[in-house]
Amino acid sequence: MSGKQVFAIVYEAEADLKVASELADRVLVESIDWLEESHLESCRTWVSRLVGGEPLKWTRIKQLARDAGIKVAGHMDHQAAYPDAKAARRAILYLEKIVDDVAGIVLIRDQDDQPERRKGLEQARQEHQGKTPVVIGLAVVEREAWVISGFEPRNANEQSRLSQESQTLGFQPQERSQELTACKDDNSKRSPKRVLQALTGGNFERERSCWKSTALELLRERGAENGLKPYLEEVREHLAPRIGHIAGRAE
C-alpha cells in the first residue's frame, strides 16, 4: 500500500482510545518487517475526532448518524439484532460516509455485563460486507482487564502489591484478569478498576507501561480469554496489510 492509511476508531473513553491505538501500533510494527515505530506517523493516521473536535464516542454515534441521515433496520440478515449490533452498524456506515479514504474501522467496547455484545458487533460486521475492514476489540469485562494483563512488578513494592491482590482474590490477577467481573461496583473485590488502582497506585504512566512495554507474546498469552488476544490478531489480519506485507505471510 502507498500513502498514509486512515484508521477510524469508535471508543467509550479517552483511556480506551489510548490503549487500543497504542496496542495496534505495536502490532503494526511487529507485523511489518520494514516498519519502525519512528515511521508510524507517516504511515497511518488515527481518526478519533471529527474536524470540529467531536469525539467519536459510542454515546454520540446515534445522534451523529441521525444527523447524517443514516438509518439502521432493527433486524440484520432477517435476524433480531443482538446488543450493540445497531450501534455498531450505525458507526460503520457513519464513518464510511464522513471519513475520507478510511482504510480501516476499529470498534472498541467493554463487554460489561452483556456477553452477547460480541455477537452484536460480529453481526454488524457481517452485515457490512464492505471493502473497509472492521476490527472488533471487546474487553472482558472492561478495558482495565487488558491493562492488568500487562502488569509485571518492577520492584519489591510492586511485588508486594501483587502478592496482596493475589491473596485477596485467590488468583494472580494479571494471569486471570477475565475473572474480574464486578464491573458495576468499583470498590468490589473483583472490580478491574479497583485491582488496577491497587497495582499501579493510580499512576497513568505506570498503567500505560503495561500495554506499551510488556512483550506482545505475553499479552497474547494472558489475553486469550479477556478479549485482548483476539483484538491483537484482528489488527494484524485486517489493518497491517493496509500498510505493507505481513512478515511470514505468503503473497
C-alpha atoms as a PDB file:
ATOM      1  CA  MET A   1       0.000   0.000   0.000  1.00  0.00           C
ATOM      2  CA  SER A   2       1.166   3.524  -0.696  1.00  0.00           C
ATOM      3  CA  GLY A   3       0.324   6.715   1.155  1.00  0.00           C
ATOM      4  CA  LYS A   4      -0.827   7.236   4.708  1.00  0.00           C
ATOM      5  CA  GLN A   5      -3.606   4.890   5.793  1.00  0.00           C
ATOM      6  CA  VAL A   6      -6.557   6.323   7.723  1.00  0.00           C
ATOM      7  CA  PHE A   7      -7.920   4.244  10.595  1.00  0.00           C
ATOM      8  CA  ALA A   8     -11.076   5.485  12.335  1.00  0.00           C
ATOM      9  CA  ILE A   9     -11.838   4.357  15.874  1.00  0.00           C
ATOM     10  CA  VAL A  10     -15.003   4.372  18.000  1.00  0.00           C
ATOM     11  CA  TYR A  11     -14.471   4.162  21.752  1.00  0.00           C
ATOM     12  CA  GLU A  12     -16.046   4.733  25.166  1.00  0.00           C
ATOM     13  CA  ALA A  13     -13.428   6.826  26.985  1.00  0.00           C
ATOM     14  CA  GLU A  14     -10.103   8.514  26.220  1.00  0.00           C
ATOM     15  CA  ALA A  15      -8.213   5.818  28.115  1.00  0.00           C
ATOM     16  CA  ASP A  16      -9.796   3.146  25.887  1.00  0.00           C
ATOM     17  CA  LEU A  17      -8.671   5.075  22.820  1.00  0.00           C
ATOM     18  CA  LYS A  18      -5.128   5.279  24.171  1.00  0.00           C
ATOM     19  CA  VAL A  19      -4.895   1.564  24.957  1.00  0.00           C
ATOM     20  CA  ALA A  20      -6.435   0.390  21.687  1.00  0.00           C
ATOM     21  CA  SER A  21      -4.492   2.671  19.330  1.00  0.00           C
ATOM     22  CA  GLU A  22      -1.113   2.220  21.013  1.00  0.00           C
ATOM     23  CA  LEU A  23      -1.501  -1.557  21.142  1.00  0.00           C
ATOM     24  CA  ALA A  24      -2.490  -1.554  17.486  1.00  0.00           C
ATOM     25  CA  ASP A  25       0.594   0.495  16.631  1.00  0.00           C
ATOM     26  CA  ARG A  26       2.786  -2.088  18.359  1.00  0.00           C
ATOM     27  CA  VAL A  27       1.180  -4.869  16.317  1.00  0.00           C
ATOM     28  CA  LEU A  28       1.716  -2.918  13.089  1.00  0.00           C
ATOM     29  CA  VAL A  29       5.425  -2.506  13.845  1.00  0.00           C
ATOM     30  CA  GLU A  30       5.734  -6.174  14.829  1.00  0.00           C
ATOM     31  CA  SER A  31       3.896  -7.413  11.733  1.00  0.00           C
ATOM     32  CA  ILE A  32       5.659  -5.408   9.007  1.00  0.00           C
ATOM     33  CA  ASP A  33       9.379  -6.040   8.619  1.00  0.00           C
ATOM     34  CA  TRP A  34      10.384  -2.594   7.394  1.00  0.00           C
ATOM     35  CA  LEU A  35       8.125  -0.567   9.691  1.00  0.00           C
ATOM     36  CA  GLU A  36       9.790   1.204  12.609  1.00  0.00           C
ATOM     37  CA  GLU A  37       7.949   2.969  15.409  1.00  0.00           C
ATOM     38  CA  SER A  38       9.520   6.247  14.314  1.00  0.00           C
ATOM     39  CA  HIS A  39       7.863   5.846  10.887  1.00  0.00           C
ATOM     40  CA  LEU A  40       4.331   5.210  12.136  1.00  0.00           C
ATOM     41  CA  GLU A  41       3.160   8.808  11.814  1.00  0.00           C
ATOM     42  CA  SER A  42       3.987   8.812   8.117  1.00  0.00           C
ATOM     43  CA  CYS A  43       2.193   5.502   7.502  1.00  0.00           C
ATOM     44  CA  ARG A  44      -1.061   5.762   9.420  1.00  0.00           C
ATOM     45  CA  THR A  45      -3.440   8.274  10.953  1.00  0.00           C
ATOM     46  CA  TRP A  46      -5.861   7.536  13.789  1.00  0.00           C
ATOM     47  CA  VAL A  47      -9.127   9.411  13.405  1.00  0.00           C
ATOM     48  CA  SER A  48     -10.815   9.619  16.803  1.00  0.00           C
ATOM     49  CA  ARG A  49     -12.466  13.029  16.452  1.00  0.00           C
ATOM     50  CA  LEU A  50     -14.378  14.895  13.795  1.00  0.00           C
ATOM     51  CA  VAL A  51     -12.982  18.037  12.204  1.00  0.00           C
ATOM     52  CA  GLY A  52     -14.750  20.215  14.782  1.00  0.00           C
ATOM     53  CA  GLY A  53     -13.344  18.229  17.692  1.00  0.00           C
ATOM     54  CA  GLU A  54     -16.361  15.999  18.335  1.00  0.00           C
ATOM     55  CA  PRO A  55     -15.040  12.688  19.766  1.00  0.00           C
ATOM     56  CA  LEU A  56     -16.142   9.503  18.028  1.00  0.00           C
ATOM     57  CA  LYS A  57     -17.619   8.001  21.188  1.00  0.00           C
ATOM     58  CA  TRP A  58     -20.341   5.375  21.370  1.00  0.00           C
ATOM     59  CA  THR A  59     -22.573   7.750  23.304  1.00  0.00           C
ATOM     60  CA  ARG A  60     -22.613  10.166  20.360  1.00  0.00           C
ATOM     61  CA  ILE A  61     -22.816   7.822  17.369  1.00  0.00           C
ATOM     62  CA  LYS A  62     -26.610   7.519  17.315  1.00  0.00           C
ATOM     63  CA  GLN A  63     -27.125  11.286  17.074  1.00  0.00           C
ATOM     64  CA  LEU A  64     -24.238  11.796  14.674  1.00  0.00           C
ATOM     65  CA  ALA A  65     -25.577   9.097  12.379  1.00  0.00           C
ATOM     66  CA  ARG A  66     -29.083  10.525  12.587  1.00  0.00           C
ATOM     67  CA  ASP A  67     -27.790  13.992  11.699  1.00  0.00           C
ATOM     68  CA  ALA A  68     -26.045  12.431   8.704  1.00  0.00           C
ATOM     69  CA  GLY A  69     -29.283  10.828   7.538  1.00  0.00           C
ATOM     70  CA  ILE A  70     -28.219   7.277   8.344  1.00  0.00           C
ATOM     71  CA  LYS A  71     -30.912   4.795   9.359  1.00  0.00           C
ATOM     72  CA  VAL A  72     -30.403   1.236  10.542  1.00  0.00           C
ATOM     73  CA  ALA A  73     -33.009  -1.538  10.464  1.00  0.00           C
ATOM     74  CA  GLY A  74     -33.923  -3.459  13.613  1.00  0.00           C
ATOM     75  CA  HIS A  75     -33.056  -6.788  12.007  1.00  0.00           C
ATOM     76  CA  MET A  76     -29.882  -7.957  10.305  1.00  0.00           C
ATOM     77  CA  ASP A  77     -29.903 -10.735   7.773  1.00  0.00           C
ATOM     78  CA  HIS A  78     -33.512 -11.407   8.808  1.00  0.00           C
ATOM     79  CA  GLN A  79     -32.486 -11.984  12.425  1.00  0.00           C
ATOM     80  CA  ALA A  80     -33.159  -9.881  15.515  1.00  0.00           C
ATOM     81  CA  ALA A  81     -30.229  -7.613  16.364  1.00  0.00           C
ATOM     82  CA  TYR A  82     -28.053  -8.602  19.309  1.00  0.00           C
ATOM     83  CA  PRO A  83     -26.864  -5.960  21.822  1.00  0.00           C
ATOM     84  CA  ASP A  84     -24.712  -3.291  20.133  1.00  0.00           C
ATOM     85  CA  ALA A  85     -25.427  -4.571  16.612  1.00  0.00           C
ATOM     86  CA  LYS A  86     -27.429  -1.499  15.581  1.00  0.00           C
ATOM     87  CA  ALA A  87     -24.989   0.901  17.248  1.00  0.00           C
ATOM     88  CA  ALA A  88     -22.052  -0.784  15.513  1.00  0.00           C
ATOM     89  CA  ARG A  89     -23.839  -0.770  12.172  1.00  0.00           C
ATOM     90  CA  ARG A  90     -24.543   2.960  12.557  1.00  0.00           C
ATOM     91  CA  ALA A  91     -20.903   3.582  13.418  1.00  0.00           C
ATOM     92  CA  ILE A  92     -19.607   1.699  10.380  1.00  0.00           C
ATOM     93  CA  LEU A  93     -21.974   3.436   7.959  1.00  0.00           C
ATOM     94  CA  TYR A  94     -21.302   6.830   9.508  1.00  0.00           C
ATOM     95  CA  LEU A  95     -17.528   6.532   9.399  1.00  0.00           C
ATOM     96  CA  GLU A  96     -17.543   5.322   5.816  1.00  0.00           C
ATOM     97  CA  LYS A  97     -19.611   8.370   4.935  1.00  0.00           C
ATOM     98  CA  ILE A  98     -17.732  11.120   6.768  1.00  0.00           C
ATOM     99  CA  VAL A  99     -14.097   9.949   6.987  1.00  0.00           C
ATOM    100  CA  ASP A 100     -12.295  10.494   3.698  1.00  0.00           C
ATOM    101  CA  ASP A 101     -10.375   7.480   2.380  1.00  0.00           C
ATOM    102  CA  VAL A 102     -10.973   5.449   5.538  1.00  0.00           C
ATOM    103  CA  ALA A 103      -8.813   2.300   5.300  1.00  0.00           C
ATOM    104  CA  GLY A 104      -9.983   0.584   8.471  1.00  0.00           C
ATOM    105  CA  ILE A 105     -12.562   0.924  11.235  1.00  0.00           C
ATOM    106  CA  VAL A 106     -11.887  -0.099  14.838  1.00  0.00           C
ATOM    107  CA  LEU A 107     -14.742  -0.667  17.287  1.00  0.00           C
ATOM    108  CA  ILE A 108     -13.558  -0.705  20.913  1.00  0.00           C
ATOM    109  CA  ARG A 109     -16.064  -1.742  23.567  1.00  0.00           C
ATOM    110  CA  ASP A 110     -16.270  -3.067  27.120  1.00  0.00           C
ATOM    111  CA  GLN A 111     -18.297  -6.225  27.463  1.00  0.00           C
ATOM    112  CA  ASP A 112     -19.509  -5.172  30.929  1.00  0.00           C
ATOM    113  CA  ASP A 113     -22.393  -7.443  31.920  1.00  0.00           C
ATOM    114  CA  GLN A 114     -23.539  -8.105  28.343  1.00  0.00           C
ATOM    115  CA  PRO A 115     -21.683 -11.155  26.982  1.00  0.00           C
ATOM    116  CA  GLU A 116     -23.826 -11.052  23.819  1.00  0.00           C
ATOM    117  CA  ARG A 117     -22.175  -7.792  22.769  1.00  0.00           C
ATOM    118  CA  ARG A 118     -19.607  -9.832  20.862  1.00  0.00           C
ATOM    119  CA  LYS A 119     -22.416 -11.384  18.811  1.00  0.00           C
ATOM    120  CA  GLY A 120     -23.856  -7.942  18.142  1.00  0.00           C
ATOM    121  CA  LEU A 121     -20.560  -6.481  16.949  1.00  0.00           C
ATOM    122  CA  GLU A 122     -19.923  -9.531  14.771  1.00  0.00           C
ATOM    123  CA  GLN A 123     -23.456  -9.274  13.407  1.00  0.00           C
ATOM    124  CA  ALA A 124     -22.879  -5.668  12.337  1.00  0.00           C
ATOM    125  CA  ARG A 125     -19.562  -6.540  10.715  1.00  0.00           C
ATOM    126  CA  GLN A 126     -21.128  -9.404   8.797  1.00  0.00           C
ATOM    127  CA  GLU A 127     -23.968  -7.147   7.654  1.00  0.00           C
ATOM    128  CA  HIS A 128     -21.406  -4.590   6.476  1.00  0.00           C
ATOM    129  CA  GLN A 129     -19.761  -6.690   3.771  1.00  0.00           C
ATOM    130  CA  GLY A 130     -17.935  -3.610   2.557  1.00  0.00           C
ATOM    131  CA  LYS A 131     -14.418  -3.005   1.325  1.00  0.00           C
ATOM    132  CA  THR A 132     -13.383  -1.279   4.563  1.00  0.00           C
ATOM    133  CA  PRO A 133     -12.084  -3.819   7.102  1.00  0.00           C
ATOM    134  CA  VAL A 134     -13.677  -3.677  10.551  1.00  0.00           C
ATOM    135  CA  VAL A 135     -11.697  -4.607  13.661  1.00  0.00           C
ATOM    136  CA  ILE A 136     -13.501  -5.539  16.880  1.00  0.00           C
ATOM    137  CA  GLY A 137     -11.914  -5.016  20.284  1.00  0.00           C
ATOM    138  CA  LEU A 138     -14.169  -6.292  23.073  1.00  0.00           C
ATOM    139  CA  ALA A 139     -12.636  -6.128  26.551  1.00  0.00           C
ATOM    140  CA  VAL A 140     -13.810  -8.780  29.034  1.00  0.00           C
ATOM    141  CA  VAL A 141     -15.116  -7.393  31.223  1.00  0.00           C
ATOM    142  CA  GLU A 142     -13.551  -3.946  30.997  1.00  0.00           C
ATOM    143  CA  ARG A 143     -10.601  -2.183  29.422  1.00  0.00           C
ATOM    144  CA  GLU A 144      -8.777  -2.337  32.755  1.00  0.00           C
ATOM    145  CA  ALA A 145      -8.517  -6.131  32.417  1.00  0.00           C
ATOM    146  CA  TRP A 146      -6.333  -5.630  29.331  1.00  0.00           C
ATOM    147  CA  VAL A 147      -4.038  -3.322  31.276  1.00  0.00           C
ATOM    148  CA  ILE A 148      -3.819  -5.697  34.232  1.00  0.00           C
ATOM    149  CA  SER A 149      -2.713  -8.429  31.796  1.00  0.00           C
ATOM    150  CA  GLY A 150       0.442  -6.442  31.180  1.00  0.00           C
ATOM    151  CA  PHE A 151       1.355  -5.765  34.790  1.00  0.00           C
ATOM    152  CA  GLU A 152       4.839  -7.001  35.654  1.00  0.00           C
ATOM    153  CA  PRO A 153       6.240  -5.981  39.078  1.00  0.00           C
ATOM    154  CA  ARG A 154       9.225  -3.634  38.761  1.00  0.00           C
ATOM    155  CA  ASN A 155      10.352  -3.561  42.370  1.00  0.00           C
ATOM    156  CA  ALA A 156       9.720  -5.028  45.802  1.00  0.00           C
ATOM    157  CA  ASN A 157       6.884  -2.596  46.496  1.00  0.00           C
ATOM    158  CA  GLU A 158       5.011  -3.609  43.348  1.00  0.00           C
ATOM    159  CA  GLN A 159       5.655  -7.282  44.062  1.00  0.00           C
ATOM    160  CA  SER A 160       4.120  -6.768  47.484  1.00  0.00           C
ATOM    161  CA  ARG A 161       1.058  -5.134  45.934  1.00  0.00           C
ATOM    162  CA  LEU A 162       0.653  -8.010  43.515  1.00  0.00           C
ATOM    163  CA  SER A 163       1.028 -10.583  46.275  1.00  0.00           C
ATOM    164  CA  GLN A 164      -1.591  -8.791  48.359  1.00  0.00           C
ATOM    165  CA  GLU A 165      -4.047  -8.675  45.463  1.00  0.00           C
ATOM    166  CA  SER A 166      -3.418 -12.321  44.632  1.00  0.00           C
ATOM    167  CA  GLN A 167      -4.151 -13.248  48.237  1.00  0.00           C
ATOM    168  CA  THR A 168      -7.312 -11.121  48.274  1.00  0.00           C
ATOM    169  CA  LEU A 169      -8.616 -12.547  45.006  1.00  0.00           C
ATOM    170  CA  GLY A 170      -7.396 -16.112  45.350  1.00  0.00           C
ATOM    171  CA  PHE A 171      -5.622 -15.968  41.982  1.00  0.00           C
ATOM    172  CA  GLN A 172      -2.984 -13.997  40.060  1.00  0.00           C
ATOM    173  CA  PRO A 173      -4.949 -11.094  38.504  1.00  0.00           C
ATOM    174  CA  GLN A 174      -2.537 -10.485  35.627  1.00  0.00           C
ATOM    175  CA  GLU A 175      -2.902 -14.119  34.550  1.00  0.00           C
ATOM    176  CA  ARG A 176      -6.669 -14.455  35.012  1.00  0.00           C
ATOM    177  CA  SER A 177      -7.995 -10.934  34.546  1.00  0.00           C
ATOM    178  CA  GLN A 178     -11.108 -12.257  32.794  1.00  0.00           C
ATOM    179  CA  GLU A 179     -12.284 -13.425  36.222  1.00  0.00           C
ATOM    180  CA  LEU A 180     -12.515  -9.828  37.435  1.00  0.00           C
ATOM    181  CA  THR A 181     -16.225  -9.378  36.991  1.00  0.00           C
ATOM    182  CA  ALA A 182     -17.664  -6.749  39.332  1.00  0.00           C
ATOM    183  CA  CYS A 183     -17.789  -4.020  36.707  1.00  0.00           C
ATOM    184  CA  LYS A 184     -20.650  -2.020  38.276  1.00  0.00           C
ATOM    185  CA  ASP A 185     -19.048  -1.677  41.695  1.00  0.00           C
ATOM    186  CA  ASP A 186     -15.632  -0.038  41.538  1.00  0.00           C
ATOM    187  CA  ASN A 187     -14.981  -0.880  45.190  1.00  0.00           C
ATOM    188  CA  SER A 188     -15.783  -4.567  44.893  1.00  0.00           C
ATOM    189  CA  LYS A 189     -13.065  -7.137  45.494  1.00  0.00           C
ATOM    190  CA  ARG A 190     -13.233  -8.275  41.866  1.00  0.00           C
ATOM    191  CA  SER A 191     -13.539  -4.849  40.292  1.00  0.00           C
ATOM    192  CA  PRO A 192     -10.963  -4.462  37.477  1.00  0.00           C
ATOM    193  CA  LYS A 193     -10.770  -0.746  38.269  1.00  0.00           C
ATOM    194  CA  ARG A 194     -10.044  -1.391  41.943  1.00  0.00           C
ATOM    195  CA  VAL A 195      -7.405  -4.034  41.171  1.00  0.00           C
ATOM    196  CA  LEU A 196      -5.642  -1.823  38.622  1.00  0.00           C
ATOM    197  CA  GLN A 197      -5.658   1.068  41.063  1.00  0.00           C
ATOM    198  CA  ALA A 198      -4.172  -1.177  43.751  1.00  0.00           C
ATOM    199  CA  LEU A 199      -1.420  -2.476  41.462  1.00  0.00           C
ATOM    200  CA  THR A 200      -0.358   0.824  39.879  1.00  0.00           C
ATOM    201  CA  GLY A 201      -1.257   3.317  42.601  1.00  0.00           C
ATOM    202  CA  GLY A 202      -3.444   5.195  40.127  1.00  0.00           C
ATOM    203  CA  ASN A 203      -0.411   6.338  38.136  1.00  0.00           C
ATOM    204  CA  PHE A 204      -1.470   6.558  34.484  1.00  0.00           C
ATOM    205  CA  GLU A 205       2.064   6.344  33.108  1.00  0.00           C
ATOM    206  CA  ARG A 206       2.590   3.176  35.128  1.00  0.00           C
ATOM    207  CA  GLU A 207      -0.652   1.827  33.669  1.00  0.00           C
ATOM    208  CA  ARG A 208       0.497   2.809  30.205  1.00  0.00           C
ATOM    209  CA  SER A 209       3.708   0.852  30.567  1.00  0.00           C
ATOM    210  CA  CYS A 210       1.591  -2.295  30.997  1.00  0.00           C
ATOM    211  CA  TRP A 211       0.498  -2.147  27.351  1.00  0.00           C
ATOM    212  CA  LYS A 212       3.485  -0.246  25.955  1.00  0.00           C
ATOM    213  CA  SER A 213       6.360  -2.228  27.437  1.00  0.00           C
ATOM    214  CA  THR A 214       5.143  -5.749  28.202  1.00  0.00           C
ATOM    215  CA  ALA A 215       6.001  -8.241  25.455  1.00  0.00           C
ATOM    216  CA  LEU A 216       3.172  -8.750  22.975  1.00  0.00           C
ATOM    217  CA  GLU A 217       3.526 -12.511  23.250  1.00  0.00           C
ATOM    218  CA  LEU A 218       2.914 -12.314  26.984  1.00  0.00           C
ATOM    219  CA  LEU A 219      -0.095 -10.058  26.423  1.00  0.00           C
ATOM    220  CA  ARG A 220      -1.472 -12.576  23.939  1.00  0.00           C
ATOM    221  CA  GLU A 221      -0.928 -15.437  26.368  1.00  0.00           C
ATOM    222  CA  ARG A 222      -2.649 -13.651  29.231  1.00  0.00           C
ATOM    223  CA  GLY A 223      -5.286 -12.089  26.999  1.00  0.00           C
ATOM    224  CA  ALA A 224      -6.644 -15.270  25.441  1.00  0.00           C
ATOM    225  CA  GLU A 225      -9.886 -15.033  27.402  1.00  0.00           C
ATOM    226  CA  ASN A 226     -10.237 -11.319  28.161  1.00  0.00           C
ATOM    227  CA  GLY A 227     -10.552 -10.270  24.517  1.00  0.00           C
ATOM    228  CA  LEU A 228      -7.050  -8.839  24.143  1.00  0.00           C
ATOM    229  CA  LYS A 229      -5.541 -11.648  22.076  1.00  0.00           C
ATOM    230  CA  PRO A 230      -8.423 -11.634  19.543  1.00  0.00           C
ATOM    231  CA  TYR A 231      -8.073  -7.857  19.197  1.00  0.00           C
ATOM    232  CA  LEU A 232      -4.327  -8.052  18.527  1.00  0.00           C
ATOM    233  CA  GLU A 233      -4.925 -10.813  15.979  1.00  0.00           C
ATOM    234  CA  GLU A 234      -7.585  -8.760  14.198  1.00  0.00           C
ATOM    235  CA  VAL A 235      -5.259  -5.769  13.944  1.00  0.00           C
ATOM    236  CA  ARG A 236      -2.609  -7.970  12.350  1.00  0.00           C
ATOM    237  CA  GLU A 237      -5.120  -9.573   9.986  1.00  0.00           C
ATOM    238  CA  HIS A 238      -7.151  -6.529   8.920  1.00  0.00           C
ATOM    239  CA  LEU A 239      -5.104  -3.357   9.460  1.00  0.00           C
ATOM    240  CA  ALA A 240      -1.461  -4.305   8.955  1.00  0.00           C
ATOM    241  CA  PRO A 241      -1.989  -5.422   5.306  1.00  0.00           C
ATOM    242  CA  ARG A 242      -3.280  -1.935   4.523  1.00  0.00           C
ATOM    243  CA  ILE A 243       0.223  -0.619   5.224  1.00  0.00           C
ATOM    244  CA  GLY A 244       2.534  -3.341   3.982  1.00  0.00           C
ATOM    245  CA  HIS A 245       3.285  -7.032   3.506  1.00  0.00           C
ATOM    246  CA  ILE A 246       2.919  -9.068   6.691  1.00  0.00           C
ATOM    247  CA  ALA A 247       6.032 -10.908   7.818  1.00  0.00           C
ATOM    248  CA  GLY A 248       5.651 -14.656   7.377  1.00  0.00           C
ATOM    249  CA  ARG A 249       2.576 -14.408   5.138  1.00  0.00           C
ATOM    250  CA  ALA A 250       2.702 -15.778   1.621  1.00  0.00           C
ATOM    251  CA  GLU A 251       1.686 -13.490  -1.210  1.00  0.00           C
END
